[in-house]
Amino acid sequence: MFSFDSIPDQTGRVAIVTGANSGIGYETARMLAQKGAHVVLACRSAERGRAAVGLIVAGNPPGRVELSVLDLSDLDSVAAFAERFIASHDRLDLLVNNAGVMVPPFSRTKQGFEMQFGTNHLGHFALTGRLLPLLERTAGSRVVVVSSSMHRSGTIDLDDPNYERRRYWGWPAYGQSKLANLLFARELQKRLGDGGPMVTASHPGFTATELQRSAGYVSLFNFVAMKPSDGAMPTIRAATDPGATRGSYWGPAGLFEINGAPVEVGRSGAAKDDAVAAQLWALSEKLTGVSYDFGGAA
């Protein structure tokens, strides 16, 4: 069974974890630092990010830990974060696209996108594209996209992804954003091919974090919810397992993938739709203004 002890030594590797101030993002960053990685916590709140850095450092990890502010709901913040990172780091071994929002009241990002689609998908799409040259220059680099089992309920409305003409419902919008995560991971790996960075995906099952608490139902299911350190293990395995393959998707092994040890899991038919993945990619480039320069690192 894959566990913390299974994680290979990460000394010398540089990792970014978005949304790392709490929940599975925090635990992912903490475990990577404990294995020797230099971890950048990319957090929207500087105050909460500093607190998370302090907690990780208090555990005396062999790896370095730093904070860099990133608001994925603002593409200007995404661009500024990427510019700072590239200016101060000469490698990027691991990008963990973890941050997300779940079923908030209807709201829009700074650029006017529906908050869940804009943050969970478009923000990470733009971030990954801006960091791609550094990822391509780093041998053995990996991108992990954190999705959800709720992707199975999602559909992509390519004509109205941002709820400009249809009525907003929080859960379908969340499902759309999580399906978009998996389609993005699939299309990114397809475009990268067999060389260069590896792309994997994961989902945490049912984990008791602030994300679920914001949805207002976690107390009903505490008896099956995993603690964040366990819920982070599918992401950690997707990020570090030497046996992981390109395009693999990791989640809990238990019934309905709610809890359990991290294993490779299946995905919905919609998450394997190459035509929709390509259309979503084109739409994402148009909406974010970020076009990927594959091979640009050379």
Protein backbone atom coordinates (compact mmCIF):
# COMPACT_ATOMS: atom_id res chain seq x y z
CA MET A 1 0.00 0.00 0.00
CA PHE A 2 1.33 3.43 -0.95
CA SER A 3 1.99 5.54 2.16
CA PHE A 4 4.17 8.42 3.32
CA ASP A 5 7.08 6.01 3.59
CA SER A 6 6.60 5.14 -0.10
CA ILE A 7 7.33 8.71 -1.24
CA PRO A 8 10.75 8.88 -2.91
CA ASP A 9 13.33 11.39 -1.70
CA GLN A 10 12.44 14.82 -3.10
CA THR A 11 15.74 16.56 -2.30
CA GLY A 12 16.67 19.06 -4.99
CA ARG A 13 13.19 19.17 -6.48
CA VAL A 14 11.10 22.36 -6.61
CA ALA A 15 7.32 22.12 -6.24
CA ILE A 16 4.40 24.53 -6.40
CA VAL A 17 1.19 23.59 -4.59
CA THR A 18 -1.79 25.89 -5.15
CA GLY A 19 -4.23 26.35 -2.29
CA ALA A 20 -1.65 25.04 0.15
CA ASN A 21 -2.73 26.95 3.25
CA SER A 22 -5.26 24.29 4.35
CA GLY A 23 -6.73 20.86 3.66
CA ILE A 24 -5.15 18.48 1.18
CA GLY A 25 -3.06 21.27 -0.32
CA TYR A 26 -1.43 21.96 3.02
CA GLU A 27 -0.82 18.25 3.63
CA THR A 28 0.61 17.81 0.14
CA ALA A 29 3.03 20.69 0.71
CA ARG A 30 3.95 19.45 4.18
CA MET A 31 4.72 15.92 3.03
CA LEU A 32 6.76 17.10 0.05
CA ALA A 33 8.82 19.34 2.35
CA GLN A 34 9.28 16.47 4.79
CA LYS A 35 10.75 14.48 1.91
CA GLY A 36 13.20 17.26 1.08
CA ALA A 37 11.47 19.27 -1.65
CA HIS A 38 11.67 23.05 -1.92
CA VAL A 39 7.95 23.84 -1.80
CA VAL A 40 6.25 27.07 -2.83
CA LEU A 41 2.85 27.50 -1.18
CA ALA A 42 0.74 29.42 -3.70
CA CYS A 43 -2.07 30.91 -1.62
CA ARG A 44 -4.67 33.62 -2.10
CA SER A 45 -4.39 34.89 1.48
CA ALA A 46 -0.93 36.07 2.52
CA GLU A 47 -1.92 35.86 6.19
CA ARG A 48 -3.17 32.29 6.00
CA GLY A 49 -0.28 31.34 3.78
CA ARG A 50 2.26 32.65 6.28
CA ALA A 51 0.53 30.69 9.04
CA ALA A 52 0.73 27.50 6.95
CA VAL A 53 4.42 28.07 6.22
CA GLY A 54 5.02 28.55 9.94
CA LEU A 55 3.31 25.27 10.80
CA ILE A 56 5.28 23.33 8.20
CA VAL A 57 8.59 24.90 9.25
CA ALA A 58 7.81 24.06 12.88
CA GLY A 59 8.02 20.40 11.88
CA ASN A 60 11.70 20.91 10.92
CA PRO A 61 11.42 19.54 7.38
CA PRO A 62 14.65 19.03 5.42
CA GLY A 63 13.12 20.92 2.50
CA ARG A 64 12.69 24.67 2.14
CA VAL A 65 9.24 26.26 2.30
CA GLU A 66 8.18 29.64 0.97
CA LEU A 67 4.99 31.58 0.28
CA SER A 68 3.97 33.34 -2.91
CA VAL A 69 0.56 34.98 -3.19
CA LEU A 70 -1.67 33.65 -5.98
CA ASP A 71 -5.35 34.38 -6.60
CA LEU A 72 -6.54 31.99 -9.28
CA SER A 73 -9.75 33.99 -9.70
CA ASP A 74 -7.69 36.87 -11.10
CA LEU A 75 -5.68 36.25 -14.28
CA ASP A 76 -3.52 39.30 -13.50
CA SER A 77 -2.50 37.63 -10.24
CA VAL A 78 -1.75 34.41 -12.14
CA ALA A 79 0.51 36.28 -14.56
CA ALA A 80 2.28 38.12 -11.74
CA PHE A 81 2.85 34.89 -9.78
CA ALA A 82 4.32 33.12 -12.81
CA GLU A 83 6.58 36.08 -13.60
CA ARG A 84 7.89 36.16 -10.01
CA PHE A 85 8.46 32.43 -9.92
CA ILE A 86 10.31 32.27 -13.23
CA ALA A 87 12.49 35.22 -12.20
CA SER A 88 13.52 33.56 -8.92
CA HIS A 89 13.69 29.83 -9.78
CA ASP A 90 15.61 28.01 -12.48
CA ARG A 91 13.56 24.80 -12.36
CA LEU A 92 10.07 23.48 -11.66
CA ASP A 93 9.82 19.76 -11.00
CA LEU A 94 6.23 19.58 -9.80
CA LEU A 95 3.15 21.72 -10.27
CA VAL A 96 0.18 20.60 -8.17
CA ASN A 97 -2.99 22.33 -9.35
CA ASN A 98 -4.92 21.78 -6.14
CA ALA A 99 -6.76 24.99 -5.21
CA GLY A 100 -10.49 25.20 -5.75
CA VAL A 101 -13.84 26.53 -4.67
CA MET A 102 -16.98 24.45 -4.16
CA VAL A 103 -20.61 25.59 -4.59
CA PRO A 104 -20.28 29.22 -3.52
CA PRO A 105 -23.19 31.60 -4.05
CA PHE A 106 -23.15 32.82 -7.63
CA SER A 107 -20.24 35.17 -8.20
CA ARG A 108 -17.73 36.05 -10.87
CA THR A 109 -13.95 36.25 -11.07
CA LYS A 110 -12.17 39.54 -11.72
CA GLN A 111 -12.34 38.85 -15.46
CA GLY A 112 -16.04 37.97 -15.30
CA PHE A 113 -15.98 34.16 -15.39
CA GLU A 114 -18.30 32.04 -13.24
CA MET A 115 -16.31 31.61 -10.04
CA GLN A 116 -15.93 27.80 -10.04
CA PHE A 117 -15.13 27.44 -13.75
CA GLY A 118 -12.89 30.51 -13.61
CA THR A 119 -10.95 29.46 -10.50
CA ASN A 120 -10.89 25.67 -10.68
CA HIS A 121 -10.22 25.40 -14.41
CA LEU A 122 -9.31 28.64 -16.16
CA GLY A 123 -6.98 29.91 -13.44
CA HIS A 124 -5.02 26.65 -13.45
CA PHE A 125 -5.07 26.50 -17.26
CA ALA A 126 -3.45 29.95 -17.39
CA LEU A 127 -0.98 29.15 -14.61
CA THR A 128 0.20 25.91 -16.22
CA GLY A 129 0.60 27.59 -19.60
CA ARG A 130 2.70 30.41 -18.18
CA LEU A 131 4.94 27.97 -16.29
CA LEU A 132 5.22 25.46 -19.15
CA PRO A 133 8.63 26.64 -20.44
CA LEU A 134 10.17 26.05 -17.01
CA LEU A 135 8.45 22.68 -16.67
CA GLU A 136 9.77 21.66 -20.08
CA ARG A 137 13.32 22.68 -19.11
CA THR A 138 13.19 20.50 -15.99
CA ALA A 139 13.88 16.83 -16.62
CA GLY A 140 11.32 14.51 -15.06
CA SER A 141 8.83 17.28 -14.27
CA ARG A 142 5.22 16.52 -13.54
CA VAL A 143 1.86 18.34 -13.47
CA VAL A 144 -0.88 17.05 -11.17
CA VAL A 145 -4.46 18.23 -11.71
CA VAL A 146 -6.74 17.71 -8.72
CA SER A 147 -10.29 16.89 -9.80
CA SER A 148 -13.21 15.28 -7.95
CA SER A 149 -15.48 12.26 -8.20
CA MET A 150 -18.14 14.91 -8.83
CA HIS A 151 -16.75 15.20 -12.35
CA ARG A 152 -19.07 12.29 -13.13
CA SER A 153 -22.07 14.61 -12.73
CA GLY A 154 -20.55 17.33 -14.87
CA THR A 155 -21.20 18.42 -18.43
CA ILE A 156 -19.30 21.07 -20.36
CA ASP A 157 -21.51 23.77 -21.86
CA LEU A 158 -19.14 25.15 -24.48
CA ASP A 159 -21.70 27.78 -25.52
CA ASP A 160 -22.31 29.14 -22.03
CA PRO A 161 -19.64 27.88 -19.59
CA ASN A 162 -19.89 31.01 -17.46
CA TYR A 163 -23.64 31.02 -16.86
CA GLU A 164 -24.34 34.20 -18.76
CA ARG A 165 -27.60 32.90 -20.25
CA ARG A 166 -28.62 29.88 -18.18
CA ARG A 167 -29.75 29.66 -14.57
CA TYR A 168 -26.96 29.07 -12.08
CA TRP A 169 -26.94 25.97 -9.94
CA GLY A 170 -23.93 25.47 -7.67
CA TRP A 171 -23.48 21.72 -7.94
CA PRO A 172 -23.77 21.41 -11.75
CA ALA A 173 -21.34 24.32 -12.04
CA TYR A 174 -18.93 22.54 -9.70
CA GLY A 175 -19.29 19.32 -11.71
CA GLN A 176 -18.54 21.24 -14.90
CA SER A 177 -15.35 22.70 -13.40
CA LYS A 178 -14.14 19.32 -12.16
CA LEU A 179 -14.87 17.64 -15.50
CA ALA A 180 -12.96 20.49 -17.12
CA ASN A 181 -9.98 19.62 -14.88
CA LEU A 182 -9.83 16.08 -16.22
CA LEU A 183 -10.35 17.13 -19.84
CA PHE A 184 -7.56 19.68 -19.43
CA ALA A 185 -5.21 17.04 -17.99
CA ARG A 186 -6.04 14.69 -20.86
CA GLU A 187 -5.53 17.27 -23.58
CA LEU A 188 -2.36 18.64 -21.99
CA GLN A 189 -0.77 15.19 -21.90
CA LYS A 190 -1.88 14.56 -25.49
CA ARG A 191 -0.21 17.78 -26.67
CA LEU A 192 2.95 17.15 -24.66
CA GLY A 193 3.28 13.64 -26.08
CA ASP A 194 5.59 11.02 -24.66
CA GLY A 195 8.47 13.37 -23.99
CA GLY A 196 8.80 16.16 -21.49
CA PRO A 197 6.52 16.72 -18.50
CA MET A 198 4.17 13.99 -17.29
CA VAL A 199 0.55 14.87 -16.52
CA THR A 200 -1.43 12.98 -13.90
CA ALA A 201 -4.68 13.69 -12.05
CA SER A 202 -6.16 12.82 -8.67
CA HIS A 203 -9.17 13.23 -6.45
CA PRO A 204 -9.33 13.12 -2.63
CA GLY A 205 -12.53 11.13 -2.17
CA PHE A 206 -14.47 12.44 0.79
CA THR A 207 -12.09 14.37 3.02
CA ALA A 208 -13.02 16.63 5.91
CA THR A 209 -11.59 19.97 4.77
CA GLU A 210 -12.69 23.59 4.67
CA LEU A 211 -13.76 23.07 1.06
CA GLN A 212 -16.40 20.52 2.07
CA ARG A 213 -17.41 22.50 5.12
CA SER A 214 -18.26 25.42 2.86
CA ALA A 215 -20.73 23.12 1.14
CA GLY A 216 -22.54 22.65 4.44
CA TYR A 217 -22.80 18.88 4.64
CA VAL A 218 -19.56 17.46 6.02
CA SER A 219 -20.95 16.93 9.54
CA LEU A 220 -23.49 14.49 8.11
CA PHE A 221 -20.75 12.20 6.83
CA ASN A 222 -17.97 12.48 9.40
CA PHE A 223 -18.05 8.73 9.91
CA VAL A 224 -16.68 8.11 6.39
CA ALA A 225 -14.64 11.29 5.85
CA MET A 226 -10.87 10.94 5.72
CA LYS A 227 -8.57 13.31 7.54
CA PRO A 228 -6.67 15.68 5.21
CA SER A 229 -3.37 13.79 5.47
CA ASP A 230 -5.11 10.67 4.12
CA GLY A 231 -7.13 12.62 1.57
CA ALA A 232 -3.90 14.07 0.20
CA MET A 233 -2.39 10.67 -0.55
CA PRO A 234 -3.92 10.26 -4.05
CA THR A 235 -2.37 13.61 -4.97
CA ILE A 236 0.96 12.64 -3.41
CA ARG A 237 0.97 9.35 -5.29
CA ALA A 238 0.07 11.08 -8.56
CA ALA A 239 2.91 13.53 -7.89
CA THR A 240 5.70 11.20 -6.77
CA ASP A 241 5.07 7.53 -7.57
CA PRO A 242 7.84 6.45 -9.98
CA GLY A 243 5.43 3.88 -11.40
CA ALA A 244 2.74 6.41 -12.32
CA THR A 245 2.00 6.60 -16.03
CA ARG A 246 1.16 9.56 -18.23
CA GLY A 247 -2.50 10.47 -17.99
CA SER A 248 -3.15 8.30 -14.93
CA TYR A 249 -5.88 9.25 -12.45
CA TRP A 250 -5.62 8.42 -8.74
CA GLY A 251 -8.20 8.25 -5.97
CA PRO A 252 -9.20 6.27 -2.87
CA ALA A 253 -9.62 2.50 -3.16
CA GLY A 254 -12.74 2.23 -0.99
CA LEU A 255 -16.39 1.83 -1.94
CA PHE A 256 -17.50 4.57 -4.36
CA GLU A 257 -13.95 5.99 -4.00
CA ILE A 258 -15.03 7.76 -0.82
CA ASN A 259 -12.05 6.74 1.29
CA GLY A 260 -9.17 4.30 1.38
CA ALA A 261 -5.62 3.92 0.13
CA PRO A 262 -4.59 5.72 -3.09
CA VAL A 263 -4.97 3.64 -6.25
CA GLU A 264 -5.50 4.22 -9.94
CA VAL A 265 -9.22 4.83 -10.60
CA GLY A 266 -11.53 5.20 -13.55
CA ARG A 267 -13.24 8.27 -14.94
CA SER A 268 -16.48 9.04 -16.74
CA GLY A 269 -16.95 8.65 -20.46
CA ALA A 270 -17.31 12.42 -20.72
CA ALA A 271 -13.82 12.80 -19.23
CA LYS A 272 -12.43 10.74 -22.13
CA ASP A 273 -14.07 12.78 -24.89
CA ASP A 274 -11.15 13.97 -27.01
CA ALA A 275 -13.33 16.17 -29.21
CA VAL A 276 -14.73 18.11 -26.24
CA ALA A 277 -11.26 18.26 -24.67
CA ALA A 278 -9.88 19.93 -27.80
CA GLN A 279 -12.81 22.36 -27.96
CA LEU A 280 -12.44 23.21 -24.28
CA TRP A 281 -8.73 23.85 -24.84
CA ALA A 282 -9.44 26.30 -27.66
CA LEU A 283 -12.11 28.04 -25.57
CA SER A 284 -9.76 28.25 -22.58
CA GLU A 285 -7.04 29.86 -24.68
CA LYS A 286 -9.55 32.39 -25.97
CA LEU A 287 -10.95 33.23 -22.53
CA THR A 288 -7.62 33.46 -20.71
CA GLY A 289 -5.49 34.88 -23.51
CA VAL A 290 -2.84 32.26 -22.70
CA SER A 291 -1.54 30.17 -25.60
CA TYR A 292 0.81 27.31 -24.83
CA ASP A 293 4.26 27.39 -26.43
CA PHE A 294 5.07 23.68 -26.59
CA GLY A 295 8.77 23.17 -27.04
CA GLY A 296 9.43 26.81 -26.24
CA ALA A 297 11.96 25.88 -23.58
CA ALA A 298 14.33 24.61 -26.24
